[in-house]
Amino acid sequence: DYRRDWSNSEEGDRYVNGHSYEGI
């Protein structure tokens, strides 16, 4: 809940992210 609230994102809200951004 803390991560999702401050980031307005569900990506990485469980500490592990695993997504790619700008190809990284």
mmCIF file of all heavy atoms, coordinates in Angstrom:
data_MODEL
# 
_entry.id   MODEL 
# 
loop_
_atom_site.group_PDB 
_atom_site.id 
_atom_site.type_symbol 
_atom_site.label_atom_id 
_atom_site.label_alt_id 
_atom_site.label_comp_id 
_atom_site.label_asym_id 
_atom_site.label_entity_id 
_atom_site.label_seq_id 
_atom_site.pdbx_PDB_ins_code 
_atom_site.Cartn_x 
_atom_site.Cartn_y 
_atom_site.Cartn_z 
_atom_site.occupancy 
_atom_site.B_iso_or_equiv 
_atom_site.pdbx_formal_charge 
_atom_site.auth_seq_id 
_atom_site.auth_comp_id 
_atom_site.auth_asym_id 
_atom_site.auth_atom_id 
_atom_site.pdbx_PDB_model_num 
ATOM 1   N N   . ASP A 1 1  ? 0.829  -1.209 0.000   1.00 0.00 ? 1  ASP A N   1 
ATOM 2   C CA  . ASP A 1 1  ? 0.000  0.000  0.000   1.00 0.00 ? 1  ASP A CA  1 
ATOM 3   C C   . ASP A 1 1  ? 0.860  1.254  0.000   1.00 0.00 ? 1  ASP A C   1 
ATOM 4   O O   . ASP A 1 1  ? 0.537  2.249  -0.663  1.00 0.00 ? 1  ASP A O   1 
ATOM 5   C CB  . ASP A 1 1  ? -0.923 0.002  1.225   1.00 0.00 ? 1  ASP A CB  1 
ATOM 6   C CG  . ASP A 1 1  ? -2.034 -1.032 1.128   1.00 0.00 ? 1  ASP A CG  1 
ATOM 7   O OD1 . ASP A 1 1  ? -2.244 -1.584 0.025   1.00 0.00 ? 1  ASP A OD1 1 
ATOM 8   O OD2 . ASP A 1 1  ? -2.683 -1.302 2.161   1.00 0.00 ? 1  ASP A OD2 1 
ATOM 9   N N   . TYR A 1 2  ? 1.952  1.227  0.756   1.00 0.00 ? 2  TYR A N   1 
ATOM 10  C CA  . TYR A 1 2  ? 2.838  2.391  0.812   1.00 0.00 ? 2  TYR A CA  1 
ATOM 11  C C   . TYR A 1 2  ? 3.407  2.699  -0.570  1.00 0.00 ? 2  TYR A C   1 
ATOM 12  O O   . TYR A 1 2  ? 3.360  3.838  -1.042  1.00 0.00 ? 2  TYR A O   1 
ATOM 13  C CB  . TYR A 1 2  ? 3.976  2.118  1.799   1.00 0.00 ? 2  TYR A CB  1 
ATOM 14  C CG  . TYR A 1 2  ? 5.016  3.213  1.864   1.00 0.00 ? 2  TYR A CG  1 
ATOM 15  C CD1 . TYR A 1 2  ? 4.870  4.279  2.739   1.00 0.00 ? 2  TYR A CD1 1 
ATOM 16  C CD2 . TYR A 1 2  ? 6.148  3.178  1.050   1.00 0.00 ? 2  TYR A CD2 1 
ATOM 17  C CE1 . TYR A 1 2  ? 5.826  5.284  2.806   1.00 0.00 ? 2  TYR A CE1 1 
ATOM 18  C CE2 . TYR A 1 2  ? 7.099  4.181  1.101   1.00 0.00 ? 2  TYR A CE2 1 
ATOM 19  C CZ  . TYR A 1 2  ? 6.935  5.229  1.981   1.00 0.00 ? 2  TYR A CZ  1 
ATOM 20  O OH  . TYR A 1 2  ? 7.872  6.227  2.031   1.00 0.00 ? 2  TYR A OH  1 
ATOM 21  N N   . ARG A 1 3  ? 3.934  1.689  -1.238  1.00 0.00 ? 3  ARG A N   1 
ATOM 22  C CA  . ARG A 1 3  ? 4.548  1.912  -2.558  1.00 0.00 ? 3  ARG A CA  1 
ATOM 23  C C   . ARG A 1 3  ? 3.518  2.362  -3.583  1.00 0.00 ? 3  ARG A C   1 
ATOM 24  O O   . ARG A 1 3  ? 3.773  3.258  -4.399  1.00 0.00 ? 3  ARG A O   1 
ATOM 25  C CB  . ARG A 1 3  ? 5.244  0.636  -3.029  1.00 0.00 ? 3  ARG A CB  1 
ATOM 26  C CG  . ARG A 1 3  ? 6.377  0.179  -2.131  1.00 0.00 ? 3  ARG A CG  1 
ATOM 27  C CD  . ARG A 1 3  ? 7.092  -1.042 -2.711  1.00 0.00 ? 3  ARG A CD  1 
ATOM 28  N NE  . ARG A 1 3  ? 8.023  -1.580 -1.737  1.00 0.00 ? 3  ARG A NE  1 
ATOM 29  C CZ  . ARG A 1 3  ? 7.781  -2.645 -0.977  1.00 0.00 ? 3  ARG A CZ  1 
ATOM 30  N NH1 . ARG A 1 3  ? 6.641  -3.305 -1.101  1.00 0.00 ? 3  ARG A NH1 1 
ATOM 31  N NH2 . ARG A 1 3  ? 8.676  -3.066 -0.099  1.00 0.00 ? 3  ARG A NH2 1 
ATOM 32  N N   . ARG A 1 4  ? 2.373  1.725  -3.558  1.00 0.00 ? 4  ARG A N   1 
ATOM 33  C CA  . ARG A 1 4  ? 1.341  2.064  -4.541  1.00 0.00 ? 4  ARG A CA  1 
ATOM 34  C C   . ARG A 1 4  ? 0.845  3.484  -4.329  1.00 0.00 ? 4  ARG A C   1 
ATOM 35  O O   . ARG A 1 4  ? 0.577  4.219  -5.292  1.00 0.00 ? 4  ARG A O   1 
ATOM 36  C CB  . ARG A 1 4  ? 0.193  1.064  -4.420  1.00 0.00 ? 4  ARG A CB  1 
ATOM 37  C CG  . ARG A 1 4  ? -0.850 1.169  -5.527  1.00 0.00 ? 4  ARG A CG  1 
ATOM 38  C CD  . ARG A 1 4  ? -1.879 0.064  -5.388  1.00 0.00 ? 4  ARG A CD  1 
ATOM 39  N NE  . ARG A 1 4  ? -1.265 -1.250 -5.531  1.00 0.00 ? 4  ARG A NE  1 
ATOM 40  C CZ  . ARG A 1 4  ? -1.906 -2.393 -5.278  1.00 0.00 ? 4  ARG A CZ  1 
ATOM 41  N NH1 . ARG A 1 4  ? -3.165 -2.365 -4.850  1.00 0.00 ? 4  ARG A NH1 1 
ATOM 42  N NH2 . ARG A 1 4  ? -1.292 -3.556 -5.446  1.00 0.00 ? 4  ARG A NH2 1 
ATOM 43  N N   . ASP A 1 5  ? 0.757  3.908  -3.080  1.00 0.00 ? 5  ASP A N   1 
ATOM 44  C CA  . ASP A 1 5  ? 0.231  5.240  -2.775  1.00 0.00 ? 5  ASP A CA  1 
ATOM 45  C C   . ASP A 1 5  ? 1.170  6.331  -3.256  1.00 0.00 ? 5  ASP A C   1 
ATOM 46  O O   . ASP A 1 5  ? 0.739  7.297  -3.901  1.00 0.00 ? 5  ASP A O   1 
ATOM 47  C CB  . ASP A 1 5  ? 0.000  5.362  -1.267  1.00 0.00 ? 5  ASP A CB  1 
ATOM 48  C CG  . ASP A 1 5  ? -0.539 6.728  -0.879  1.00 0.00 ? 5  ASP A CG  1 
ATOM 49  O OD1 . ASP A 1 5  ? -1.650 7.057  -1.336  1.00 0.00 ? 5  ASP A OD1 1 
ATOM 50  O OD2 . ASP A 1 5  ? 0.133  7.457  -0.136  1.00 0.00 ? 5  ASP A OD2 1 
ATOM 51  N N   . TRP A 1 6  ? 2.474  6.202  -2.964  1.00 0.00 ? 6  TRP A N   1 
ATOM 52  C CA  . TRP A 1 6  ? 3.358  7.325  -3.317  1.00 0.00 ? 6  TRP A CA  1 
ATOM 53  C C   . TRP A 1 6  ? 3.743  7.330  -4.783  1.00 0.00 ? 6  TRP A C   1 
ATOM 54  O O   . TRP A 1 6  ? 4.110  8.358  -5.342  1.00 0.00 ? 6  TRP A O   1 
ATOM 55  C CB  . TRP A 1 6  ? 4.584  7.383  -2.416  1.00 0.00 ? 6  TRP A CB  1 
ATOM 56  C CG  . TRP A 1 6  ? 5.701  6.413  -2.663  1.00 0.00 ? 6  TRP A CG  1 
ATOM 57  C CD1 . TRP A 1 6  ? 5.985  5.304  -1.934  1.00 0.00 ? 6  TRP A CD1 1 
ATOM 58  C CD2 . TRP A 1 6  ? 6.735  6.483  -3.654  1.00 0.00 ? 6  TRP A CD2 1 
ATOM 59  N NE1 . TRP A 1 6  ? 7.106  4.677  -2.422  1.00 0.00 ? 6  TRP A NE1 1 
ATOM 60  C CE2 . TRP A 1 6  ? 7.590  5.376  -3.468  1.00 0.00 ? 6  TRP A CE2 1 
ATOM 61  C CE3 . TRP A 1 6  ? 7.023  7.373  -4.684  1.00 0.00 ? 6  TRP A CE3 1 
ATOM 62  C CZ2 . TRP A 1 6  ? 8.695  5.127  -4.276  1.00 0.00 ? 6  TRP A CZ2 1 
ATOM 63  C CZ3 . TRP A 1 6  ? 8.133  7.125  -5.497  1.00 0.00 ? 6  TRP A CZ3 1 
ATOM 64  C CH2 . TRP A 1 6  ? 8.944  6.016  -5.282  1.00 0.00 ? 6  TRP A CH2 1 
ATOM 65  N N   . SER A 1 7  ? 3.640  6.181  -5.443  1.00 0.00 ? 7  SER A N   1 
ATOM 66  C CA  . SER A 1 7  ? 4.060  6.130  -6.841  1.00 0.00 ? 7  SER A CA  1 
ATOM 67  C C   . SER A 1 7  ? 2.907  6.184  -7.828  1.00 0.00 ? 7  SER A C   1 
ATOM 68  O O   . SER A 1 7  ? 3.133  6.374  -9.031  1.00 0.00 ? 7  SER A O   1 
ATOM 69  C CB  . SER A 1 7  ? 4.830  4.833  -7.098  1.00 0.00 ? 7  SER A CB  1 
ATOM 70  O OG  . SER A 1 7  ? 3.955  3.710  -7.006  1.00 0.00 ? 7  SER A OG  1 
ATOM 71  N N   . ASN A 1 8  ? 1.676  6.021  -7.328  1.00 0.00 ? 8  ASN A N   1 
ATOM 72  C CA  . ASN A 1 8  ? 0.524  5.915  -8.220  1.00 0.00 ? 8  ASN A CA  1 
ATOM 73  C C   . ASN A 1 8  ? 0.740  4.838  -9.274  1.00 0.00 ? 8  ASN A C   1 
ATOM 74  O O   . ASN A 1 8  ? 0.384  4.992  -10.443 1.00 0.00 ? 8  ASN A O   1 
ATOM 75  C CB  . ASN A 1 8  ? 0.232  7.259  -8.901  1.00 0.00 ? 8  ASN A CB  1 
ATOM 76  C CG  . ASN A 1 8  ? -0.187 8.321  -7.912  1.00 0.00 ? 8  ASN A CG  1 
ATOM 77  O OD1 . ASN A 1 8  ? -1.060 8.091  -7.078  1.00 0.00 ? 8  ASN A OD1 1 
ATOM 78  N ND2 . ASN A 1 8  ? 0.452  9.477  -7.975  1.00 0.00 ? 8  ASN A ND2 1 
ATOM 79  N N   . SER A 1 9  ? 1.376  3.753  -8.849  1.00 0.00 ? 9  SER A N   1 
ATOM 80  C CA  . SER A 1 9  ? 1.725  2.680  -9.786  1.00 0.00 ? 9  SER A CA  1 
ATOM 81  C C   . SER A 1 9  ? 1.669  1.347  -9.060  1.00 0.00 ? 9  SER A C   1 
ATOM 82  O O   . SER A 1 9  ? 2.015  1.256  -7.879  1.00 0.00 ? 9  SER A O   1 
ATOM 83  C CB  . SER A 1 9  ? 3.129  2.902  -10.354 1.00 0.00 ? 9  SER A CB  1 
ATOM 84  O OG  . SER A 1 9  ? 3.581  1.761  -11.045 1.00 0.00 ? 9  SER A OG  1 
ATOM 85  N N   . GLU A 1 10 ? 1.247  0.311  -9.788  1.00 0.00 ? 10 GLU A N   1 
ATOM 86  C CA  . GLU A 1 10 ? 1.288  -1.034 -9.241  1.00 0.00 ? 10 GLU A CA  1 
ATOM 87  C C   . GLU A 1 10 ? 2.559  -1.761 -9.660  1.00 0.00 ? 10 GLU A C   1 
ATOM 88  O O   . GLU A 1 10 ? 2.780  -2.897 -9.257  1.00 0.00 ? 10 GLU A O   1 
ATOM 89  C CB  . GLU A 1 10 ? 0.056  -1.831 -9.701  1.00 0.00 ? 10 GLU A CB  1 
ATOM 90  C CG  . GLU A 1 10 ? -1.250 -1.273 -9.156  1.00 0.00 ? 10 GLU A CG  1 
ATOM 91  C CD  . GLU A 1 10 ? -2.448 -2.119 -9.531  1.00 0.00 ? 10 GLU A CD  1 
ATOM 92  O OE1 . GLU A 1 10 ? -2.243 -3.213 -10.092 1.00 0.00 ? 10 GLU A OE1 1 
ATOM 93  O OE2 . GLU A 1 10 ? -3.581 -1.696 -9.253  1.00 0.00 ? 10 GLU A OE2 1 
ATOM 94  N N   . GLU A 1 11 ? 3.397  -1.109 -10.448 1.00 0.00 ? 11 GLU A N   1 
ATOM 95  C CA  . GLU A 1 11 ? 4.642  -1.720 -10.904 1.00 0.00 ? 11 GLU A CA  1 
ATOM 96  C C   . GLU A 1 11 ? 5.723  -1.507 -9.849  1.00 0.00 ? 11 GLU A C   1 
ATOM 97  O O   . GLU A 1 11 ? 6.163  -0.392 -9.611  1.00 0.00 ? 11 GLU A O   1 
ATOM 98  C CB  . GLU A 1 11 ? 5.075  -1.129 -12.243 1.00 0.00 ? 11 GLU A CB  1 
ATOM 99  C CG  . GLU A 1 11 ? 4.079  -1.414 -13.355 1.00 0.00 ? 11 GLU A CG  1 
ATOM 100 C CD  . GLU A 1 11 ? 4.522  -0.837 -14.690 1.00 0.00 ? 11 GLU A CD  1 
ATOM 101 O OE1 . GLU A 1 11 ? 5.615  -0.239 -14.748 1.00 0.00 ? 11 GLU A OE1 1 
ATOM 102 O OE2 . GLU A 1 11 ? 3.762  -0.985 -15.657 1.00 0.00 ? 11 GLU A OE2 1 
ATOM 103 N N   . GLY A 1 12 ? 6.131  -2.586 -9.214  1.00 0.00 ? 12 GLY A N   1 
ATOM 104 C CA  . GLY A 1 12 ? 7.102  -2.475 -8.145  1.00 0.00 ? 12 GLY A CA  1 
ATOM 105 C C   . GLY A 1 12 ? 6.476  -2.325 -6.786  1.00 0.00 ? 12 GLY A C   1 
ATOM 106 O O   . GLY A 1 12 ? 7.184  -2.112 -5.803  1.00 0.00 ? 12 GLY A O   1 
ATOM 107 N N   . ASP A 1 13 ? 5.133  -2.428 -6.688  1.00 0.00 ? 13 ASP A N   1 
ATOM 108 C CA  . ASP A 1 13 ? 4.524  -2.252 -5.374  1.00 0.00 ? 13 ASP A CA  1 
ATOM 109 C C   . ASP A 1 13 ? 4.854  -3.408 -4.443  1.00 0.00 ? 13 ASP A C   1 
ATOM 110 O O   . ASP A 1 13 ? 4.653  -3.320 -3.241  1.00 0.00 ? 13 ASP A O   1 
ATOM 111 C CB  . ASP A 1 13 ? 3.017  -2.033 -5.474  1.00 0.00 ? 13 ASP A CB  1 
ATOM 112 C CG  . ASP A 1 13 ? 2.252  -3.196 -6.095  1.00 0.00 ? 13 ASP A CG  1 
ATOM 113 O OD1 . ASP A 1 13 ? 2.887  -4.229 -6.421  1.00 0.00 ? 13 ASP A OD1 1 
ATOM 114 O OD2 . ASP A 1 13 ? 1.024  -3.070 -6.258  1.00 0.00 ? 13 ASP A OD2 1 
ATOM 115 N N   . ARG A 1 14 ? 5.406  -4.489 -4.988  1.00 0.00 ? 14 ARG A N   1 
ATOM 116 C CA  . ARG A 1 14 ? 5.825  -5.621 -4.164  1.00 0.00 ? 14 ARG A CA  1 
ATOM 117 C C   . ARG A 1 14 ? 7.351  -5.701 -4.062  1.00 0.00 ? 14 ARG A C   1 
ATOM 118 O O   . ARG A 1 14 ? 7.911  -6.782 -3.904  1.00 0.00 ? 14 ARG A O   1 
ATOM 119 C CB  . ARG A 1 14 ? 5.243  -6.916 -4.716  1.00 0.00 ? 14 ARG A CB  1 
ATOM 120 C CG  . ARG A 1 14 ? 3.738  -6.939 -4.663  1.00 0.00 ? 14 ARG A CG  1 
ATOM 121 C CD  . ARG A 1 14 ? 3.164  -8.286 -5.040  1.00 0.00 ? 14 ARG A CD  1 
ATOM 122 N NE  . ARG A 1 14 ? 1.722  -8.251 -4.927  1.00 0.00 ? 14 ARG A NE  1 
ATOM 123 C CZ  . ARG A 1 14 ? 1.043  -8.448 -3.796  1.00 0.00 ? 14 ARG A CZ  1 
ATOM 124 N NH1 . ARG A 1 14 ? 1.694  -8.696 -2.675  1.00 0.00 ? 14 ARG A NH1 1 
ATOM 125 N NH2 . ARG A 1 14 ? -0.270 -8.387 -3.783  1.00 0.00 ? 14 ARG A NH2 1 
ATOM 126 N N   . TYR A 1 15 ? 8.000  -4.562 -4.138  1.00 0.00 ? 15 TYR A N   1 
ATOM 127 C CA  . TYR A 1 15 ? 9.456  -4.415 -4.064  1.00 0.00 ? 15 TYR A CA  1 
ATOM 128 C C   . TYR A 1 15 ? 10.126 -4.900 -5.336  1.00 0.00 ? 15 TYR A C   1 
ATOM 129 O O   . TYR A 1 15 ? 10.893 -4.182 -5.956  1.00 0.00 ? 15 TYR A O   1 
ATOM 130 C CB  . TYR A 1 15 ? 10.061 -5.109 -2.846  1.00 0.00 ? 15 TYR A CB  1 
ATOM 131 C CG  . TYR A 1 15 ? 11.534 -4.769 -2.660  1.00 0.00 ? 15 TYR A CG  1 
ATOM 132 C CD1 . TYR A 1 15 ? 11.901 -3.537 -2.127  1.00 0.00 ? 15 TYR A CD1 1 
ATOM 133 C CD2 . TYR A 1 15 ? 12.536 -5.654 -3.030  1.00 0.00 ? 15 TYR A CD2 1 
ATOM 134 C CE1 . TYR A 1 15 ? 13.233 -3.201 -1.972  1.00 0.00 ? 15 TYR A CE1 1 
ATOM 135 C CE2 . TYR A 1 15 ? 13.864 -5.324 -2.874  1.00 0.00 ? 15 TYR A CE2 1 
ATOM 136 C CZ  . TYR A 1 15 ? 14.212 -4.096 -2.341  1.00 0.00 ? 15 TYR A CZ  1 
ATOM 137 O OH  . TYR A 1 15 ? 15.536 -3.761 -2.195  1.00 0.00 ? 15 TYR A OH  1 
ATOM 138 N N   . VAL A 1 16 ? 9.847  -6.135 -5.736  1.00 0.00 ? 16 VAL A N   1 
ATOM 139 C CA  . VAL A 1 16 ? 10.396 -6.612 -7.001  1.00 0.00 ? 16 VAL A CA  1 
ATOM 140 C C   . VAL A 1 16 ? 9.615  -5.954 -8.134  1.00 0.00 ? 16 VAL A C   1 
ATOM 141 O O   . VAL A 1 16 ? 8.385  -5.970 -8.142  1.00 0.00 ? 16 VAL A O   1 
ATOM 142 C CB  . VAL A 1 16 ? 10.288 -8.140 -7.100  1.00 0.00 ? 16 VAL A CB  1 
ATOM 143 C CG1 . VAL A 1 16 ? 10.741 -8.621 -8.469  1.00 0.00 ? 16 VAL A CG1 1 
ATOM 144 C CG2 . VAL A 1 16 ? 11.112 -8.797 -6.005  1.00 0.00 ? 16 VAL A CG2 1 
ATOM 145 N N   . ASN A 1 17 ? 10.343 -5.371 -9.076  1.00 0.00 ? 17 ASN A N   1 
ATOM 146 C CA  . ASN A 1 17 ? 9.699  -4.700 -10.191 1.00 0.00 ? 17 ASN A CA  1 
ATOM 147 C C   . ASN A 1 17 ? 9.658  -5.628 -11.405 1.00 0.00 ? 17 ASN A C   1 
ATOM 148 O O   . ASN A 1 17 ? 8.640  -6.193 -11.736 1.00 0.00 ? 17 ASN A O   1 
ATOM 149 C CB  . ASN A 1 17 ? 10.438 -3.390 -10.501 1.00 0.00 ? 17 ASN A CB  1 
ATOM 150 C CG  . ASN A 1 17 ? 9.735  -2.528 -11.531 1.00 0.00 ? 17 ASN A CG  1 
ATOM 151 O OD1 . ASN A 1 17 ? 9.278  -3.001 -12.553 1.00 0.00 ? 17 ASN A OD1 1 
ATOM 152 N ND2 . ASN A 1 17 ? 9.648  -1.235 -11.254 1.00 0.00 ? 17 ASN A ND2 1 
ATOM 153 N N   . GLY A 1 18 ? 10.810 -5.779 -12.093 1.00 0.00 ? 18 GLY A N   1 
ATOM 154 C CA  . GLY A 1 18 ? 10.883 -6.701 -13.211 1.00 0.00 ? 18 GLY A CA  1 
ATOM 155 C C   . GLY A 1 18 ? 10.393 -6.160 -14.532 1.00 0.00 ? 18 GLY A C   1 
ATOM 156 O O   . GLY A 1 18 ? 10.477 -6.851 -15.559 1.00 0.00 ? 18 GLY A O   1 
ATOM 157 N N   . HIS A 1 19 ? 9.892  -4.912 -14.554 1.00 0.00 ? 19 HIS A N   1 
ATOM 158 C CA  . HIS A 1 19 ? 9.439  -4.307 -15.800 1.00 0.00 ? 19 HIS A CA  1 
ATOM 159 C C   . HIS A 1 19 ? 10.602 -3.577 -16.475 1.00 0.00 ? 19 HIS A C   1 
ATOM 160 O O   . HIS A 1 19 ? 11.624 -3.295 -15.855 1.00 0.00 ? 19 HIS A O   1 
ATOM 161 C CB  . HIS A 1 19 ? 8.290  -3.336 -15.542 1.00 0.00 ? 19 HIS A CB  1 
ATOM 162 C CG  . HIS A 1 19 ? 7.054  -3.984 -15.033 1.00 0.00 ? 19 HIS A CG  1 
ATOM 163 N ND1 . HIS A 1 19 ? 6.867  -4.282 -13.693 1.00 0.00 ? 19 HIS A ND1 1 
ATOM 164 C CD2 . HIS A 1 19 ? 5.931  -4.421 -15.666 1.00 0.00 ? 19 HIS A CD2 1 
ATOM 165 C CE1 . HIS A 1 19 ? 5.693  -4.855 -13.523 1.00 0.00 ? 19 HIS A CE1 1 
ATOM 166 N NE2 . HIS A 1 19 ? 5.105  -4.954 -14.710 1.00 0.00 ? 19 HIS A NE2 1 
ATOM 167 N N   . SER A 1 20 ? 10.422 -3.257 -17.745 1.00 0.00 ? 20 SER A N   1 
ATOM 168 C CA  . SER A 1 20 ? 11.431 -2.517 -18.506 1.00 0.00 ? 20 SER A CA  1 
ATOM 169 C C   . SER A 1 20 ? 10.908 -1.126 -18.833 1.00 0.00 ? 20 SER A C   1 
ATOM 170 O O   . SER A 1 20 ? 9.727  -0.950 -19.173 1.00 0.00 ? 20 SER A O   1 
ATOM 171 C CB  . SER A 1 20 ? 11.786 -3.254 -19.804 1.00 0.00 ? 20 SER A CB  1 
ATOM 172 O OG  . SER A 1 20 ? 12.455 -4.464 -19.520 1.00 0.00 ? 20 SER A OG  1 
ATOM 173 N N   . TYR A 1 21 ? 11.806 -0.165 -18.744 1.00 0.00 ? 21 TYR A N   1 
ATOM 174 C CA  . TYR A 1 21 ? 11.497 1.224  -19.055 1.00 0.00 ? 21 TYR A CA  1 
ATOM 175 C C   . TYR A 1 21 ? 12.626 1.755  -19.933 1.00 0.00 ? 21 TYR A C   1 
ATOM 176 O O   . TYR A 1 21 ? 13.801 1.521  -19.643 1.00 0.00 ? 21 TYR A O   1 
ATOM 177 C CB  . TYR A 1 21 ? 11.388 2.061  -17.779 1.00 0.00 ? 21 TYR A CB  1 
ATOM 178 C CG  . TYR A 1 21 ? 10.468 1.444  -16.752 1.00 0.00 ? 21 TYR A CG  1 
ATOM 179 C CD1 . TYR A 1 21 ? 10.966 0.585  -15.765 1.00 0.00 ? 21 TYR A CD1 1 
ATOM 180 C CD2 . TYR A 1 21 ? 9.101  1.686  -16.785 1.00 0.00 ? 21 TYR A CD2 1 
ATOM 181 C CE1 . TYR A 1 21 ? 10.122 -0.001 -14.837 1.00 0.00 ? 21 TYR A CE1 1 
ATOM 182 C CE2 . TYR A 1 21 ? 8.253  1.102  -15.855 1.00 0.00 ? 21 TYR A CE2 1 
ATOM 183 C CZ  . TYR A 1 21 ? 8.772  0.261  -14.886 1.00 0.00 ? 21 TYR A CZ  1 
ATOM 184 O OH  . TYR A 1 21 ? 7.945  -0.328 -13.971 1.00 0.00 ? 21 TYR A OH  1 
ATOM 185 N N   . GLU A 1 22 ? 12.261 2.460  -20.975 1.00 0.00 ? 22 GLU A N   1 
ATOM 186 C CA  . GLU A 1 22 ? 13.265 2.955  -21.933 1.00 0.00 ? 22 GLU A CA  1 
ATOM 187 C C   . GLU A 1 22 ? 14.150 1.805  -22.419 1.00 0.00 ? 22 GLU A C   1 
ATOM 188 O O   . GLU A 1 22 ? 15.330 1.990  -22.710 1.00 0.00 ? 22 GLU A O   1 
ATOM 189 C CB  . GLU A 1 22 ? 14.116 4.065  -21.301 1.00 0.00 ? 22 GLU A CB  1 
ATOM 190 C CG  . GLU A 1 22 ? 13.347 5.186  -20.651 1.00 0.00 ? 22 GLU A CG  1 
ATOM 191 C CD  . GLU A 1 22 ? 12.509 6.021  -21.618 1.00 0.00 ? 22 GLU A CD  1 
ATOM 192 O OE1 . GLU A 1 22 ? 12.852 6.039  -22.824 1.00 0.00 ? 22 GLU A OE1 1 
ATOM 193 O OE2 . GLU A 1 22 ? 11.510 6.621  -21.182 1.00 0.00 ? 22 GLU A OE2 1 
ATOM 194 N N   . GLY A 1 23 ? 13.590 0.594  -22.453 1.00 0.00 ? 23 GLY A N   1 
ATOM 195 C CA  . GLY A 1 23 ? 14.333 -0.575 -22.931 1.00 0.00 ? 23 GLY A CA  1 
ATOM 196 C C   . GLY A 1 23 ? 15.256 -1.201 -21.907 1.00 0.00 ? 23 GLY A C   1 
ATOM 197 O O   . GLY A 1 23 ? 16.061 -2.058 -22.254 1.00 0.00 ? 23 GLY A O   1 
ATOM 198 N N   . ILE A 1 24 ? 15.135 -0.800 -20.631 1.00 0.00 ? 24 ILE A N   1 
ATOM 199 C CA  . ILE A 1 24 ? 16.041 -1.282 -19.591 1.00 0.00 ? 24 ILE A CA  1 
ATOM 200 C C   . ILE A 1 24 ? 15.221 -1.875 -18.450 1.00 0.00 ? 24 ILE A C   1 
ATOM 201 O O   . ILE A 1 24 ? 14.273 -1.247 -17.958 1.00 0.00 ? 24 ILE A O   1 
ATOM 202 C CB  . ILE A 1 24 ? 16.932 -0.143 -19.059 1.00 0.00 ? 24 ILE A CB  1 
ATOM 203 C CG1 . ILE A 1 24 ? 17.788 0.421  -20.194 1.00 0.00 ? 24 ILE A CG1 1 
ATOM 204 C CG2 . ILE A 1 24 ? 17.815 -0.621 -17.909 1.00 0.00 ? 24 ILE A CG2 1 
ATOM 205 C CD1 . ILE A 1 24 ? 18.523 1.676  -19.818 1.00 0.00 ? 24 ILE A CD1 1 
# 
